[in-house]
Protein backbone atom coordinates (compact mmCIF):
# COMPACT_ATOMS: atom_id res chain seq x y z
CA MET A 1 -10.48 23.70 4.05
CA ALA A 2 -11.37 20.40 5.11
CA VAL A 3 -9.52 19.16 8.53
CA ILE A 4 -8.30 16.02 8.41
CA GLY A 5 -7.34 13.36 10.89
CA PHE A 6 -4.24 11.08 9.31
CA ILE A 7 -3.76 7.73 11.01
CA GLY A 8 -1.21 5.12 10.48
CA LEU A 9 1.97 7.52 10.02
CA GLY A 10 4.36 4.43 8.60
CA ASN A 11 6.90 4.55 5.55
CA MET A 12 3.41 5.33 2.85
CA GLY A 13 1.50 7.05 5.53
CA MET A 14 3.72 9.69 6.50
CA PRO A 15 5.16 11.34 3.34
CA MET A 16 1.22 11.53 2.22
CA ALA A 17 -0.14 12.99 5.47
CA ARG A 18 3.43 15.41 5.36
CA ASN A 19 2.36 16.26 1.15
CA LEU A 20 -1.20 17.38 2.38
CA VAL A 21 0.00 19.36 5.09
CA GLN A 22 2.40 21.18 2.43
CA ALA A 23 -0.81 21.85 0.78
CA GLY A 24 -2.46 23.72 3.19
CA TYR A 25 -4.68 21.11 5.27
CA LEU A 26 -4.77 20.82 8.74
CA VAL A 27 -4.00 17.43 9.67
CA TYR A 28 -3.91 15.72 12.43
CA GLY A 29 -1.48 12.43 12.42
CA PHE A 30 -2.07 9.41 15.09
CA ASN A 31 0.98 6.37 14.77
CA ARG A 32 0.56 3.35 17.48
CA SER A 33 4.52 4.42 18.18
CA LYS A 34 4.11 8.53 19.03
CA GLU A 35 8.29 9.02 18.18
CA LYS A 36 6.53 9.20 14.75
CA GLU A 37 3.87 11.54 15.10
CA GLU A 38 6.81 13.58 16.88
CA THR A 39 8.27 13.67 13.51
CA PHE A 40 5.09 14.38 12.12
CA GLU A 41 4.77 17.23 14.09
CA GLU A 42 8.45 18.34 13.09
CA LEU A 43 6.89 18.11 9.37
CA GLY A 44 4.41 20.73 10.40
CA GLY A 45 0.95 18.47 10.87
CA ARG A 46 0.00 18.41 14.84
CA ARG A 47 -0.13 15.12 17.15
CA ALA A 48 -3.63 14.09 17.39
CA GLU A 49 -3.00 11.60 20.62
CA SER A 50 -5.77 9.62 20.37
CA LEU A 51 -8.33 8.52 18.21
CA SER A 52 -11.21 10.27 20.09
CA LEU A 53 -8.81 13.71 19.38
CA ILE A 54 -9.56 12.86 15.62
CA ALA A 55 -13.07 11.97 15.94
CA GLU A 56 -13.39 15.22 17.51
CA LYS A 57 -11.48 17.62 15.43
CA ALA A 58 -11.83 15.69 11.72
CA ASP A 59 -14.00 16.34 8.55
CA ILE A 60 -12.27 13.60 6.50
CA ILE A 61 -10.36 10.64 8.57
CA MET A 62 -7.91 8.94 6.75
CA THR A 63 -6.24 5.08 7.73
CA CYS A 64 -2.96 3.35 5.96
CA LEU A 65 -2.72 0.81 8.15
CA PRO A 66 -0.52 -2.94 7.23
CA GLU A 67 -2.86 -5.55 8.49
CA PRO A 68 -6.90 -6.26 8.07
CA GLN A 69 -7.23 -6.55 11.73
CA ASP A 70 -5.56 -3.28 12.28
CA VAL A 71 -8.35 -1.75 9.91
CA HIS A 72 -10.76 -3.51 11.39
CA ASP A 73 -9.67 -2.63 14.97
CA VAL A 74 -9.13 0.95 14.52
CA LEU A 75 -12.31 1.89 12.56
CA SER A 76 -14.39 -0.47 15.08
CA GLU A 77 -13.10 2.01 17.83
CA LEU A 78 -14.06 4.90 15.35
CA PHE A 79 -17.60 4.07 15.05
CA GLU A 80 -18.16 4.22 18.94
CA MET A 81 -17.53 7.50 18.37
CA GLU A 82 -19.45 10.49 17.54
CA ILE A 83 -18.06 11.06 13.69
CA SER A 84 -21.24 11.58 11.76
CA ASP A 85 -21.18 13.45 8.94
CA SER A 86 -17.16 12.81 7.96
CA LEU A 87 -15.67 10.74 5.18
CA ILE A 88 -13.77 7.45 5.99
CA ILE A 89 -10.85 6.86 3.33
CA ASP A 90 -8.84 3.76 3.53
CA PHE A 91 -5.70 4.05 1.86
CA SER A 92 -4.55 0.46 3.29
CA THR A 93 -4.62 -3.37 1.65
CA VAL A 94 -6.60 -5.49 2.94
CA THR A 95 -9.76 -7.06 1.85
CA SER A 96 -12.95 -6.13 -0.57
CA ALA A 97 -15.14 -8.15 1.92
CA LEU A 98 -14.04 -5.79 5.26
CA HIS A 99 -14.38 -2.61 2.92
CA GLU A 100 -17.92 -3.71 2.10
CA ASN A 101 -18.75 -4.51 6.10
CA MET A 102 -17.22 -1.41 6.87
CA LYS A 103 -18.79 0.50 4.18
CA GLU A 104 -22.34 -0.97 6.08
CA LYS A 105 -21.23 -0.09 9.51
CA ALA A 106 -20.44 3.56 8.34
CA ALA A 107 -23.69 4.21 6.35
CA GLY A 108 -25.39 3.17 9.91
CA LYS A 109 -23.42 6.15 11.66
CA GLY A 110 -24.33 9.18 8.44
CA VAL A 111 -19.98 8.57 7.83
CA GLN A 112 -19.55 8.36 3.47
CA TYR A 113 -16.86 5.50 3.21
CA LEU A 114 -14.20 4.98 0.27
CA ASP A 115 -11.62 2.32 -0.21
CA ALA A 116 -8.66 4.01 -1.79
CA PRO A 117 -5.73 1.44 -1.84
CA VAL A 118 -2.22 3.42 -3.50
CA SER A 119 0.54 2.03 -5.38
CA GLY A 120 3.99 3.79 -6.72
CA GLY A 121 5.72 3.05 -3.00
CA THR A 122 7.07 4.74 -1.24
CA ALA A 123 9.12 6.72 -3.99
CA GLY A 124 5.14 7.86 -5.06
CA ALA A 125 4.18 8.81 -1.74
CA GLU A 126 7.09 11.14 -1.17
CA ALA A 127 6.75 12.71 -4.69
CA GLY A 128 2.88 12.85 -4.41
CA THR A 129 2.88 10.61 -7.59
CA LEU A 130 0.43 7.32 -6.23
CA ALA A 131 -1.97 5.59 -8.27
CA ILE A 132 -5.12 5.76 -6.55
CA MET A 133 -7.91 3.18 -7.18
CA CYS A 134 -11.09 4.09 -5.30
CA GLY A 135 -14.32 2.02 -4.46
CA GLY A 136 -16.84 4.12 -3.10
CA GLU A 137 -20.29 6.13 -3.98
CA GLU A 138 -19.49 8.70 -6.46
CA ASP A 139 -20.27 12.14 -4.77
CA ALA A 140 -17.87 10.49 -1.78
CA PHE A 141 -15.16 10.47 -4.04
CA GLU A 142 -15.88 13.89 -5.77
CA LYS A 143 -16.11 15.22 -2.24
CA ALA A 144 -12.07 13.07 -1.63
CA ARG A 145 -10.92 14.29 -5.15
CA PRO A 146 -8.80 17.10 -4.53
CA LEU A 147 -7.56 15.49 -1.66
CA PHE A 148 -6.26 12.63 -4.13
CA ASP A 149 -4.65 15.64 -6.02
CA VAL A 150 -2.41 16.03 -3.73
CA LEU A 151 -1.57 12.51 -3.17
CA GLY A 152 -1.48 11.10 -6.90
CA ALA A 153 -1.03 11.26 -10.12
CA SER A 154 -3.41 8.44 -11.28
CA ILE A 155 -6.45 7.99 -9.54
CA THR A 156 -9.66 6.35 -10.71
CA HIS A 157 -13.17 5.45 -9.67
CA THR A 158 -13.25 2.00 -9.57
CA GLY A 159 -16.71 1.01 -8.49
CA PRO A 160 -18.58 0.71 -5.52
CA ALA A 161 -16.75 0.31 -1.68
CA GLY A 162 -14.46 -3.10 -2.38
CA SER A 163 -13.46 -2.47 -5.88
CA GLY A 164 -10.84 -0.40 -5.30
CA THR A 165 -9.51 -3.44 -3.09
CA LYS A 166 -10.01 -5.77 -6.23
CA VAL A 167 -8.29 -3.87 -8.78
CA LYS A 168 -5.43 -3.16 -5.60
CA LEU A 169 -5.40 -7.18 -5.12
CA ILE A 170 -4.61 -7.92 -8.80
CA ASN A 171 -2.19 -5.36 -8.85
CA GLN A 172 -0.30 -7.22 -5.81
CA TYR A 173 -0.39 -10.66 -7.19
CA MET A 174 1.52 -9.08 -11.07
CA VAL A 175 3.56 -7.85 -8.51
CA GLY A 176 4.23 -10.36 -7.16
CA MET A 177 4.85 -12.42 -10.24
CA HIS A 178 6.71 -9.99 -11.97
CA THR A 179 9.20 -9.62 -8.23
CA ALA A 180 9.63 -13.47 -8.77
CA ALA A 181 10.67 -13.24 -12.55
CA VAL A 182 13.43 -10.32 -12.20
CA ALA A 183 15.11 -12.73 -9.26
CA GLU A 184 15.03 -15.47 -11.42
CA ALA A 185 16.20 -13.77 -14.69
CA LEU A 186 19.20 -11.59 -12.63
CA HIS A 187 19.98 -15.18 -10.93
CA LEU A 188 20.07 -16.43 -14.61
CA ALA A 189 22.33 -14.14 -15.84
CA ASP A 190 24.54 -14.15 -12.57
CA GLU A 191 25.06 -18.08 -13.65
CA SER A 192 25.20 -17.21 -17.23
CA GLY A 193 28.47 -14.68 -16.95
CA ILE A 194 25.87 -12.00 -18.76
CA ASP A 195 26.83 -8.62 -16.97
CA LYS A 196 23.45 -7.73 -14.96
CA ASP A 197 23.76 -3.83 -15.73
CA MET A 198 23.84 -4.04 -19.47
CA LEU A 199 21.06 -6.66 -19.00
CA TYR A 200 19.31 -4.75 -17.20
CA ASP A 201 19.64 -1.56 -19.97
CA VAL A 202 18.70 -4.27 -22.69
CA LEU A 203 15.41 -5.47 -21.03
CA SER A 204 14.28 -1.56 -20.05
CA ASN A 205 13.66 -1.06 -23.67
CA SER A 206 12.62 -4.32 -24.36
CA PHE A 207 9.06 -6.23 -24.08
CA ALA A 208 10.82 -7.32 -20.79
CA GLN A 209 10.72 -3.84 -19.49
CA SER A 210 8.13 -3.58 -15.88
CA LYS A 211 8.10 -1.18 -13.28
CA ILE A 212 8.77 -3.51 -10.96
CA PHE A 213 12.50 -4.30 -12.93
CA ASP A 214 12.88 -0.46 -13.16
CA ARG A 215 12.24 -0.20 -9.03
CA HIS A 216 14.23 -3.20 -8.17
CA TYR A 217 17.62 -2.94 -9.86
CA PRO A 218 18.73 -0.35 -10.23
CA ASP A 219 17.15 1.42 -6.65
CA PHE A 220 18.34 -1.30 -4.73
CA ILE A 221 19.88 -4.70 -6.42
CA ALA A 222 22.12 -2.93 -8.16
CA ALA A 223 22.98 -0.55 -5.21
CA ASP A 224 22.79 -3.62 -2.92
CA ARG A 225 20.07 -1.58 -0.42
CA GLU A 226 17.95 -4.36 1.60
CA GLU A 227 16.23 -1.96 3.92
CA PRO A 228 12.74 -1.92 2.92
CA GLY A 229 10.97 0.05 1.13
CA PHE A 230 7.99 -1.94 0.95
CA ALA A 231 8.80 -5.35 2.77
CA LEU A 232 8.83 -8.76 1.19
CA SER A 233 6.68 -9.87 4.66
CA LEU A 234 4.14 -6.87 3.00
CA LEU A 235 3.79 -8.61 -0.16
CA LEU A 236 3.53 -11.68 1.00
CA LYS A 237 0.17 -10.75 2.91
CA ASP A 238 -0.87 -9.33 -0.12
CA LEU A 239 -0.21 -12.28 -2.05
CA ASN A 240 -2.22 -14.32 0.41
CA LEU A 241 -5.26 -11.69 -0.02
CA ALA A 242 -5.34 -12.23 -3.58
CA GLY A 243 -5.02 -15.73 -3.41
CA GLU A 244 -8.24 -15.78 -1.17
CA MET A 245 -9.93 -13.84 -3.66
CA ALA A 246 -9.41 -15.89 -6.35
CA GLY A 247 -10.65 -18.73 -4.32
CA GLU A 248 -13.80 -17.22 -3.11
CA ARG A 249 -14.09 -17.01 -7.21
CA GLU A 250 -12.75 -20.17 -7.97
CA VAL A 251 -9.78 -18.94 -9.88
CA PRO A 252 -6.93 -21.04 -9.25
CA LEU A 253 -4.20 -18.59 -9.79
CA GLU A 254 -1.69 -22.25 -10.65
CA ALA A 255 1.54 -19.84 -11.40
CA GLY A 256 0.86 -17.63 -8.25
CA ARG A 257 0.60 -20.75 -5.87
CA LYS A 258 4.21 -21.64 -6.72
CA VAL A 259 5.08 -18.16 -6.52
CA LYS A 260 3.51 -17.67 -2.86
CA GLU A 261 5.12 -20.69 -1.54
CA MET A 262 8.62 -19.41 -2.71
CA PHE A 263 7.88 -16.62 -0.72
CA GLU A 264 6.33 -18.04 2.37
CA ASP A 265 10.23 -19.82 2.15
CA ALA A 266 11.97 -16.45 1.46
CA LYS A 267 9.95 -15.21 4.99
CA GLN A 268 11.20 -18.38 7.15
CA GLN A 269 14.68 -17.79 5.56
CA GLY A 270 14.74 -14.23 7.56
CA TYR A 271 13.89 -12.22 4.57
CA GLY A 272 10.54 -10.77 5.77
CA GLY A 273 11.81 -7.92 7.07
CA LYS A 274 13.66 -7.07 4.41
CA ASP A 275 12.50 -5.28 1.02
CA MET A 276 10.84 -7.43 -1.48
CA SER A 277 13.36 -7.04 -4.18
CA ALA A 278 15.37 -9.13 -1.50
CA PHE A 279 14.16 -11.60 -3.39
CA TYR A 280 16.77 -11.93 -5.79
CA GLN A 281 18.99 -12.15 -2.42
CA TYR A 282 17.12 -14.99 -1.55
CA THR A 283 17.01 -17.20 -4.96
CA THR A 284 20.43 -16.44 -5.49
CA GLY A 285 21.25 -18.28 -2.29
CA LYS A 286 18.90 -20.97 -2.06
CA TYR A 287 19.31 -22.17 -5.75
CA SER A 288 23.78 -21.17 -6.00
């Protein structure tokens, strides 16, 4: 079996790397916070301790990082090392332009490259039921397919490198819109004297049902839980990336512009580190 180097053991990366270990793969985990590497070792993985060790040991290098600059910096450092004949898979949500650039650099090193952003949140990462949207060459995708089967339940080859990220950013745009709709609808229910549990039961069997509503209400809002499965600040980052993508193609996203402004205000009001569902608390606090 291929030896894997997994870079980024955060809320998503840790359970993904663990699932690969449980599937029988030898996985070296690397993280800026070394406590995460210790946790990964307790889960059966191996500590990488350095990027150079991953470059030396791994046949397949996976990255799952929060920001575009993180991906750029880590991959640029790896490209300075001897990693020929390997496969790089990036699960991060960044930009298609970054992936196209990294794909070109990878080809110059004799390395295959896939952008494979995921959706499904920490619950999907834990359960191995993520949606994986993968851009890159067909043979690289087929090489990675057994690994994707461990991590996800819906796996799609979307086209060339960068296309997976385009699909993911459209997904994140809709996540932002749905999150705002859930928050404002529940605030309207509060102010109208409508029981939210009853409303959720009704709307879950109506056209208003959505995976975001199913996530945000029972798991976070009704449970009075704000610790981030996916932080509001990260969703705002993705909305900004989706806005950049739209701007490059002269697509106005008029409704999205207003929603993004509201998320920016929510972050400024201290909600950035909370789960994205806390947009409901922001909405009720701002307009009550």
